[in-house]
């Protein structure tokens, strides 16, 4: 089940390829870069079968991958005072 910040994948015959977790997730997620995925894995936001793994983990059939995206905080841009000559 997916919540707004949680995505769950199950490795099946249709989406299986013997590859590293970070590379596999890159092929599944259009809006996350590989470096961002690696950061999320390192921070524990991506688990396989309920356990933290390294980005070099090789996915296997029936693995359950859960990706929990941390909430983003809106940024507020404040103009800087500049002296123009």
PDB file of N, CA and C in Angstrom:
ATOM      1  N   UNK A   1       0.836  -1.180   0.000  1.00  0.00           N
ATOM      2  CA  UNK A   1       0.000   0.000   0.000  1.00  0.00           C
ATOM      3  C   UNK A   1       0.879   1.241   0.000  1.00  0.00           C
ATOM      4  N   UNK A   2       0.537   2.201  -0.819  1.00  0.00           N
ATOM      5  CA  UNK A   2       1.324   3.420  -0.925  1.00  0.00           C
ATOM      6  C   UNK A   2       0.619   4.565  -0.214  1.00  0.00           C
ATOM      7  N   UNK A   3       1.350   5.294   0.604  1.00  0.00           N
ATOM      8  CA  UNK A   3       0.877   6.535   1.188  1.00  0.00           C
ATOM      9  C   UNK A   3       1.563   7.645   0.401  1.00  0.00           C
ATOM     10  N   UNK A   4       1.186   8.903   0.618  1.00  0.00           N
ATOM     11  CA  UNK A   4       1.807   9.960  -0.195  1.00  0.00           C
ATOM     12  C   UNK A   4       3.333   9.970  -0.167  1.00  0.00           C
ATOM     13  N   UNK A   5       3.942   9.580   0.943  1.00  0.00           N
ATOM     14  CA  UNK A   5       5.403   9.627   1.031  1.00  0.00           C
ATOM     15  C   UNK A   5       6.050   8.253   1.040  1.00  0.00           C
ATOM     16  N   UNK A   6       5.252   7.192   0.838  1.00  0.00           N
ATOM     17  CA  UNK A   6       5.786   5.838   0.878  1.00  0.00           C
ATOM     18  C   UNK A   6       5.450   5.114  -0.419  1.00  0.00           C
ATOM     19  N   UNK A   7       6.470   4.496  -1.009  1.00  0.00           N
ATOM     20  CA  UNK A   7       6.292   3.731  -2.237  1.00  0.00           C
ATOM     21  C   UNK A   7       6.802   2.322  -1.968  1.00  0.00           C
ATOM     22  N   UNK A   8       6.016   1.325  -2.370  1.00  0.00           N
ATOM     23  CA  UNK A   8       6.397  -0.066  -2.171  1.00  0.00           C
ATOM     24  C   UNK A   8       6.505  -0.757  -3.523  1.00  0.00           C
ATOM     25  N   UNK A   9       7.596  -1.483  -3.709  1.00  0.00           N
ATOM     26  CA  UNK A   9       7.814  -2.291  -4.908  1.00  0.00           C
ATOM     27  C   UNK A   9       8.012  -3.732  -4.467  1.00  0.00           C
ATOM     28  N   UNK A  10       7.530  -4.664  -5.267  1.00  0.00           N
ATOM     29  CA  UNK A  10       7.829  -6.075  -5.063  1.00  0.00           C
ATOM     30  C   UNK A  10       8.478  -6.580  -6.349  1.00  0.00           C
ATOM     31  N   UNK A  11       9.643  -7.198  -6.203  1.00  0.00           N
ATOM     32  CA  UNK A  11      10.371  -7.686  -7.369  1.00  0.00           C
ATOM     33  C   UNK A  11       9.665  -8.930  -7.893  1.00  0.00           C
ATOM     34  N   UNK A  12       9.179  -8.843  -9.116  1.00  0.00           N
ATOM     35  CA  UNK A  12       8.496  -9.969  -9.756  1.00  0.00           C
ATOM     36  C   UNK A  12       9.240 -10.340 -11.035  1.00  0.00           C
ATOM     37  N   UNK A  13       8.797 -11.376 -11.691  1.00  0.00           N
ATOM     38  CA  UNK A  13       9.440 -11.797 -12.942  1.00  0.00           C
ATOM     39  C   UNK A  13       9.375 -10.686 -13.987  1.00  0.00           C
ATOM     40  N   UNK A  14       8.317  -9.871 -13.950  1.00  0.00           N
ATOM     41  CA  UNK A  14       8.131  -8.809 -14.939  1.00  0.00           C
ATOM     42  C   UNK A  14       9.114  -7.658 -14.764  1.00  0.00           C
ATOM     43  N   UNK A  15       9.508  -7.370 -13.521  1.00  0.00           N
ATOM     44  CA  UNK A  15      10.389  -6.217 -13.303  1.00  0.00           C
ATOM     45  C   UNK A  15      11.753  -6.621 -12.738  1.00  0.00           C
ATOM     46  N   UNK A  16      12.075  -7.905 -12.802  1.00  0.00           N
ATOM     47  CA  UNK A  16      13.334  -8.396 -12.243  1.00  0.00           C
ATOM     48  C   UNK A  16      14.488  -8.236 -13.222  1.00  0.00           C
ATOM     49  N   UNK A  17      15.593  -7.779 -12.713  1.00  0.00           N
ATOM     50  CA  UNK A  17      16.867  -7.838 -13.416  1.00  0.00           C
ATOM     51  C   UNK A  17      17.939  -7.916 -12.339  1.00  0.00           C
ATOM     52  N   UNK A  18      18.905  -8.760 -12.532  1.00  0.00           N
ATOM     53  CA  UNK A  18      19.944  -8.950 -11.530  1.00  0.00           C
ATOM     54  C   UNK A  18      20.843  -7.731 -11.532  1.00  0.00           C
ATOM     55  N   UNK A  19      20.493  -6.781 -10.689  1.00  0.00           N
ATOM     56  CA  UNK A  19      21.226  -5.524 -10.654  1.00  0.00           C
ATOM     57  C   UNK A  19      21.225  -4.953  -9.241  1.00  0.00           C
ATOM     58  N   UNK A  20      22.062  -3.972  -9.043  1.00  0.00           N
ATOM     59  CA  UNK A  20      22.149  -3.306  -7.739  1.00  0.00           C
ATOM     60  C   UNK A  20      20.855  -2.564  -7.424  1.00  0.00           C
ATOM     61  N   UNK A  21      20.559  -2.446  -6.147  1.00  0.00           N
ATOM     62  CA  UNK A  21      19.345  -1.775  -5.704  1.00  0.00           C
ATOM     63  C   UNK A  21      19.260  -0.349  -6.210  1.00  0.00           C
ATOM     64  N   UNK A  22      20.343   0.410  -6.110  1.00  0.00           N
ATOM     65  CA  UNK A  22      20.298   1.812  -6.541  1.00  0.00           C
ATOM     66  C   UNK A  22      20.024   1.930  -8.034  1.00  0.00           C
ATOM     67  N   UNK A  23      20.620   1.057  -8.831  1.00  0.00           N
ATOM     68  CA  UNK A  23      20.379   1.092 -10.277  1.00  0.00           C
ATOM     69  C   UNK A  23      18.952   0.661 -10.607  1.00  0.00           C
ATOM     70  N   UNK A  24      18.462  -0.366  -9.910  1.00  0.00           N
ATOM     71  CA  UNK A  24      17.104  -0.857 -10.165  1.00  0.00           C
ATOM     72  C   UNK A  24      16.077   0.232  -9.849  1.00  0.00           C
ATOM     73  N   UNK A  25      16.256   0.901  -8.716  1.00  0.00           N
ATOM     74  CA  UNK A  25      15.310   1.965  -8.352  1.00  0.00           C
ATOM     75  C   UNK A  25      15.361   3.127  -9.338  1.00  0.00           C
ATOM     76  N   UNK A  26      16.522   3.392  -9.894  1.00  0.00           N
ATOM     77  CA  UNK A  26      16.638   4.460 -10.887  1.00  0.00           C
ATOM     78  C   UNK A  26      15.773   4.154 -12.103  1.00  0.00           C
ATOM     79  N   UNK A  27      15.676   2.883 -12.479  1.00  0.00           N
ATOM     80  CA  UNK A  27      14.851   2.516 -13.636  1.00  0.00           C
ATOM     81  C   UNK A  27      13.363   2.573 -13.312  1.00  0.00           C
ATOM     82  N   UNK A  28      13.014   2.488 -12.044  1.00  0.00           N
ATOM     83  CA  UNK A  28      11.607   2.483 -11.642  1.00  0.00           C
ATOM     84  C   UNK A  28      11.080   3.878 -11.326  1.00  0.00           C
ATOM     85  N   UNK A  29      11.955   4.773 -10.941  1.00  0.00           N
ATOM     86  CA  UNK A  29      11.546   6.101 -10.487  1.00  0.00           C
ATOM     87  C   UNK A  29      12.081   7.163 -11.435  1.00  0.00           C
ATOM     88  N   UNK A  30      11.187   7.839 -12.119  1.00  0.00           N
ATOM     89  CA  UNK A  30      11.598   8.867 -13.076  1.00  0.00           C
ATOM     90  C   UNK A  30      12.045  10.165 -12.418  1.00  0.00           C
ATOM     91  N   UNK A  31      11.594  10.420 -11.201  1.00  0.00           N
ATOM     92  CA  UNK A  31      11.869  11.728 -10.611  1.00  0.00           C
ATOM     93  C   UNK A  31      12.968  11.708  -9.542  1.00  0.00           C
ATOM     94  N   UNK A  32      13.655  10.566  -9.360  1.00  0.00           N
ATOM     95  CA  UNK A  32      14.748  10.507  -8.393  1.00  0.00           C
ATOM     96  C   UNK A  32      16.042  10.138  -9.111  1.00  0.00           C
ATOM     97  N   UNK A  33      17.075  10.910  -8.857  1.00  0.00           N
ATOM     98  CA  UNK A  33      18.376  10.600  -9.448  1.00  0.00           C
ATOM     99  C   UNK A  33      19.026   9.456  -8.668  1.00  0.00           C
ATOM    100  N   UNK A  34      19.993   8.834  -9.281  1.00  0.00           N
ATOM    101  CA  UNK A  34      20.695   7.734  -8.611  1.00  0.00           C
ATOM    102  C   UNK A  34      21.410   8.232  -7.356  1.00  0.00           C
ATOM    103  N   UNK A  35      22.002   9.408  -7.417  1.00  0.00           N
ATOM    104  CA  UNK A  35      22.692   9.943  -6.235  1.00  0.00           C
ATOM    105  C   UNK A  35      21.708  10.222  -5.098  1.00  0.00           C
ATOM    106  N   UNK A  36      20.507  10.678  -5.429  1.00  0.00           N
ATOM    107  CA  UNK A  36      19.489  10.904  -4.407  1.00  0.00           C
ATOM    108  C   UNK A  36      19.027   9.578  -3.815  1.00  0.00           C
ATOM    109  N   UNK A  37      18.872   8.564  -4.648  1.00  0.00           N
ATOM    110  CA  UNK A  37      18.486   7.237  -4.173  1.00  0.00           C
ATOM    111  C   UNK A  37      19.549   6.681  -3.231  1.00  0.00           C
ATOM    112  N   UNK A  38      20.831   6.835  -3.588  1.00  0.00           N
ATOM    113  CA  UNK A  38      21.917   6.365  -2.726  1.00  0.00           C
ATOM    114  C   UNK A  38      21.874   7.078  -1.381  1.00  0.00           C
ATOM    115  N   UNK A  39      21.625   8.375  -1.384  1.00  0.00           N
ATOM    116  CA  UNK A  39      21.511   9.138  -0.144  1.00  0.00           C
ATOM    117  C   UNK A  39      20.366   8.609   0.710  1.00  0.00           C
ATOM    118  N   UNK A  40      19.209   8.342   0.089  1.00  0.00           N
ATOM    119  CA  UNK A  40      18.056   7.814   0.830  1.00  0.00           C
ATOM    120  C   UNK A  40      18.354   6.429   1.410  1.00  0.00           C
ATOM    121  N   UNK A  41      19.083   5.592   0.660  1.00  0.00           N
ATOM    122  CA  UNK A  41      19.471   4.267   1.165  1.00  0.00           C
ATOM    123  C   UNK A  41      20.388   4.438   2.376  1.00  0.00           C
ATOM    124  N   UNK A  42      21.391   5.300   2.248  1.00  0.00           N
ATOM    125  CA  UNK A  42      22.354   5.529   3.333  1.00  0.00           C
ATOM    126  C   UNK A  42      21.678   6.073   4.587  1.00  0.00           C
ATOM    127  N   UNK A  43      20.616   6.854   4.413  1.00  0.00           N
ATOM    128  CA  UNK A  43      19.893   7.435   5.551  1.00  0.00           C
ATOM    129  C   UNK A  43      18.835   6.492   6.122  1.00  0.00           C
ATOM    130  N   UNK A  44      18.671   5.307   5.509  1.00  0.00           N
ATOM    131  CA  UNK A  44      17.720   4.332   6.013  1.00  0.00           C
ATOM    132  C   UNK A  44      16.288   4.536   5.550  1.00  0.00           C
ATOM    133  N   UNK A  45      16.083   5.389   4.549  1.00  0.00           N
ATOM    134  CA  UNK A  45      14.736   5.652   4.046  1.00  0.00           C
ATOM    135  C   UNK A  45      14.281   4.607   3.032  1.00  0.00           C
ATOM    136  N   UNK A  46      15.193   3.745   2.600  1.00  0.00           N
ATOM    137  CA  UNK A  46      14.853   2.668   1.672  1.00  0.00           C
ATOM    138  C   UNK A  46      15.268   1.363   2.336  1.00  0.00           C
ATOM    139  N   UNK A  47      14.303   0.435   2.453  1.00  0.00           N
ATOM    140  CA  UNK A  47      14.573  -0.861   3.058  1.00  0.00           C
ATOM    141  C   UNK A  47      14.173  -1.975   2.103  1.00  0.00           C
ATOM    142  N   UNK A  48      14.779  -3.139   2.308  1.00  0.00           N
ATOM    143  CA  UNK A  48      14.436  -4.335   1.535  1.00  0.00           C
ATOM    144  C   UNK A  48      14.024  -5.401   2.536  1.00  0.00           C
ATOM    145  N   UNK A  49      12.801  -5.884   2.376  1.00  0.00           N
ATOM    146  CA  UNK A  49      12.252  -6.900   3.288  1.00  0.00           C
ATOM    147  C   UNK A  49      12.336  -6.431   4.744  1.00  0.00           C
ATOM    148  N   UNK A  50      12.119  -5.123   4.949  1.00  0.00           N
ATOM    149  CA  UNK A  50      12.091  -4.552   6.290  1.00  0.00           C
ATOM    150  C   UNK A  50      13.451  -4.277   6.901  1.00  0.00           C
ATOM    151  N   UNK A  51      14.519  -4.465   6.156  1.00  0.00           N
ATOM    152  CA  UNK A  51      15.867  -4.267   6.695  1.00  0.00           C
ATOM    153  C   UNK A  51      16.625  -3.231   5.889  1.00  0.00           C
ATOM    154  N   UNK A  52      17.495  -2.502   6.558  1.00  0.00           N
ATOM    155  CA  UNK A  52      18.383  -1.572   5.869  1.00  0.00           C
ATOM    156  C   UNK A  52      19.442  -2.366   5.122  1.00  0.00           C
ATOM    157  N   UNK A  53      19.747  -1.912   3.913  1.00  0.00           N
ATOM    158  CA  UNK A  53      20.757  -2.568   3.092  1.00  0.00           C
ATOM    159  C   UNK A  53      21.659  -1.502   2.482  1.00  0.00           C
ATOM    160  N   UNK A  54      22.727  -1.942   1.849  1.00  0.00           N
ATOM    161  CA  UNK A  54      23.609  -1.019   1.136  1.00  0.00           C
ATOM    162  C   UNK A  54      23.088  -0.822  -0.278  1.00  0.00           C
ATOM    163  N   UNK A  55      23.530   0.240  -0.917  1.00  0.00           N
ATOM    164  CA  UNK A  55      23.093   0.505  -2.294  1.00  0.00           C
ATOM    165  C   UNK A  55      23.596  -0.557  -3.256  1.00  0.00           C
ATOM    166  N   UNK A  56      24.633  -1.288  -2.868  1.00  0.00           N
ATOM    167  CA  UNK A  56      25.187  -2.344  -3.724  1.00  0.00           C
ATOM    168  C   UNK A  56      24.418  -3.660  -3.603  1.00  0.00           C
ATOM    169  N   UNK A  57      23.402  -3.710  -2.758  1.00  0.00           N
ATOM    170  CA  UNK A  57      22.584  -4.913  -2.605  1.00  0.00           C
ATOM    171  C   UNK A  57      22.022  -5.309  -3.968  1.00  0.00           C
ATOM    172  N   UNK A  58      22.109  -6.579  -4.315  1.00  0.00           N
ATOM    173  CA  UNK A  58      21.577  -7.076  -5.593  1.00  0.00           C
ATOM    174  C   UNK A  58      20.152  -7.567  -5.353  1.00  0.00           C
ATOM    175  N   UNK A  59      19.204  -6.989  -6.087  1.00  0.00           N
ATOM    176  CA  UNK A  59      17.799  -7.341  -5.883  1.00  0.00           C
ATOM    177  C   UNK A  59      17.546  -8.790  -6.288  1.00  0.00           C
ATOM    178  N   UNK A  60      16.554  -9.397  -5.605  1.00  0.00           N
ATOM    179  CA  UNK A  60      16.182 -10.792  -5.853  1.00  0.00           C
ATOM    180  C   UNK A  60      14.677 -10.875  -6.054  1.00  0.00           C
ATOM    181  N   UNK A  61      14.246 -11.939  -6.690  1.00  0.00           N
ATOM    182  CA  UNK A  61      12.811 -12.147  -6.878  1.00  0.00           C
ATOM    183  C   UNK A  61      12.099 -12.135  -5.527  1.00  0.00           C
ATOM    184  N   UNK A  62      10.929 -11.529  -5.492  1.00  0.00           N
ATOM    185  CA  UNK A  62      10.058 -11.430  -4.311  1.00  0.00           C
ATOM    186  C   UNK A  62      10.573 -10.485  -3.235  1.00  0.00           C
ATOM    187  N   UNK A  63      11.653  -9.755  -3.481  1.00  0.00           N
ATOM    188  CA  UNK A  63      12.078  -8.726  -2.527  1.00  0.00           C
ATOM    189  C   UNK A  63      10.997  -7.654  -2.435  1.00  0.00           C
ATOM    190  N   UNK A  64      10.760  -7.176  -1.217  1.00  0.00           N
ATOM    191  CA  UNK A  64       9.819  -6.075  -0.999  1.00  0.00           C
ATOM    192  C   UNK A  64      10.646  -4.844  -0.650  1.00  0.00           C
ATOM    193  N   UNK A  65      10.611  -3.869  -1.543  1.00  0.00           N
ATOM    194  CA  UNK A  65      11.391  -2.644  -1.371  1.00  0.00           C
ATOM    195  C   UNK A  65      10.446  -1.531  -0.953  1.00  0.00           C
ATOM    196  N   UNK A  66      10.753  -0.895   0.168  1.00  0.00           N
ATOM    197  CA  UNK A  66       9.942   0.225   0.646  1.00  0.00           C
ATOM    198  C   UNK A  66      10.780   1.491   0.634  1.00  0.00           C
ATOM    199  N   UNK A  67      10.236   2.494   0.013  1.00  0.00           N
ATOM    200  CA  UNK A  67      10.907   3.783  -0.120  1.00  0.00           C
ATOM    201  C   UNK A  67      10.058   4.808   0.622  1.00  0.00           C
ATOM    202  N   UNK A  68      10.600   5.374   1.682  1.00  0.00           N
ATOM    203  CA  UNK A  68       9.902   6.379   2.464  1.00  0.00           C
ATOM    204  C   UNK A  68      10.552   7.730   2.204  1.00  0.00           C
ATOM    205  N   UNK A  69       9.849   8.554   1.453  1.00  0.00           N
ATOM    206  CA  UNK A  69      10.391   9.872   1.122  1.00  0.00           C
ATOM    207  C   UNK A  69      10.178  10.823   2.289  1.00  0.00           C
ATOM    208  N   UNK A  70      11.248  11.408   2.808  1.00  0.00           N
ATOM    209  CA  UNK A  70      11.084  12.369   3.900  1.00  0.00           C
ATOM    210  C   UNK A  70      10.343  13.606   3.397  1.00  0.00           C
ATOM    211  N   UNK A  71       9.588  14.211   4.296  1.00  0.00           N
ATOM    212  CA  UNK A  71       8.860  15.423   3.919  1.00  0.00           C
ATOM    213  C   UNK A  71       9.849  16.529   3.592  1.00  0.00           C
ATOM    214  N   UNK A  72       9.546  17.235   2.534  1.00  0.00           N
ATOM    215  CA  UNK A  72      10.398  18.360   2.167  1.00  0.00           C
ATOM    216  C   UNK A  72       9.879  19.621   2.844  1.00  0.00           C
ATOM    217  N   UNK A  73      10.793  20.420   3.260  1.00  0.00           N
ATOM    218  CA  UNK A  73      10.427  21.684   3.903  1.00  0.00           C
ATOM    219  C   UNK A  73      10.469  22.786   2.857  1.00  0.00           C
ATOM    220  N   UNK A  74       9.408  23.564   2.770  1.00  0.00           N
ATOM    221  CA  UNK A  74       9.429  24.645   1.783  1.00  0.00           C
ATOM    222  C   UNK A  74      10.502  25.675   2.142  1.00  0.00           C
ATOM    223  N   UNK A  75      11.145  26.169   1.130  1.00  0.00           N
ATOM    224  CA  UNK A  75      12.153  27.200   1.350  1.00  0.00           C
ATOM    225  C   UNK A  75      11.559  28.555   0.991  1.00  0.00           C
ATOM    226  N   UNK A  76      12.034  29.540   1.658  1.00  0.00           N
ATOM    227  CA  UNK A  76      11.546  30.881   1.381  1.00  0.00           C
ATOM    228  C   UNK A  76      12.720  31.722   0.911  1.00  0.00           C
ATOM    229  N   UNK A  77      12.612  32.210  -0.296  1.00  0.00           N
ATOM    230  CA  UNK A  77      13.665  33.055  -0.848  1.00  0.00           C
ATOM    231  C   UNK A  77      13.481  34.484  -0.352  1.00  0.00           C
ATOM    232  N   UNK A  78      14.549  35.050   0.147  1.00  0.00           N
ATOM    233  CA  UNK A  78      14.518  36.420   0.649  1.00  0.00           C
ATOM    234  C   UNK A  78      15.510  37.227  -0.182  1.00  0.00           C
ATOM    235  N   UNK A  79      15.061  38.305  -0.795  1.00  0.00           N
ATOM    236  CA  UNK A  79      15.977  39.101  -1.601  1.00  0.00           C
ATOM    237  C   UNK A  79      17.043  39.765  -0.736  1.00  0.00           C
ATOM    238  N   UNK A  80      18.233  39.831  -1.248  1.00  0.00           N
ATOM    239  CA  UNK A  80      19.334  40.495  -0.542  1.00  0.00           C
ATOM    240  C   UNK A  80      19.386  41.954  -0.974  1.00  0.00           C
ATOM    241  N   UNK A  81      19.686  42.822  -0.013  1.00  0.00           N
ATOM    242  CA  UNK A  81      19.880  44.227  -0.350  1.00  0.00           C
ATOM    243  C   UNK A  81      21.201  44.372  -1.084  1.00  0.00           C
ATOM    244  N   UNK A  82      21.145  44.986  -2.249  1.00  0.00           N
ATOM    245  CA  UNK A  82      22.355  45.170  -3.048  1.00  0.00           C
ATOM    246  C   UNK A  82      22.494  46.624  -3.434  1.00  0.00           C
ATOM    247  N   UNK A  83      23.690  47.112  -3.354  1.00  0.00           N
ATOM    248  CA  UNK A  83      23.941  48.475  -3.748  1.00  0.00           C
ATOM    249  C   UNK A  83      24.326  48.460  -5.229  1.00  0.00           C
ATOM    250  N   UNK A  84      23.586  49.182  -6.036  1.00  0.00           N
ATOM    251  CA  UNK A  84      23.855  49.235  -7.465  1.00  0.00           C
ATOM    252  C   UNK A  84      24.410  50.614  -7.815  1.00  0.00           C
ATOM    253  N   UNK A  85      25.528  50.608  -8.530  1.00  0.00           N
ATOM    254  CA  UNK A  85      26.162  51.890  -8.899  1.00  0.00           C
ATOM    255  C   UNK A  85      25.790  52.287 -10.286  1.00  0.00           C
TER     256      UNK A  85
END
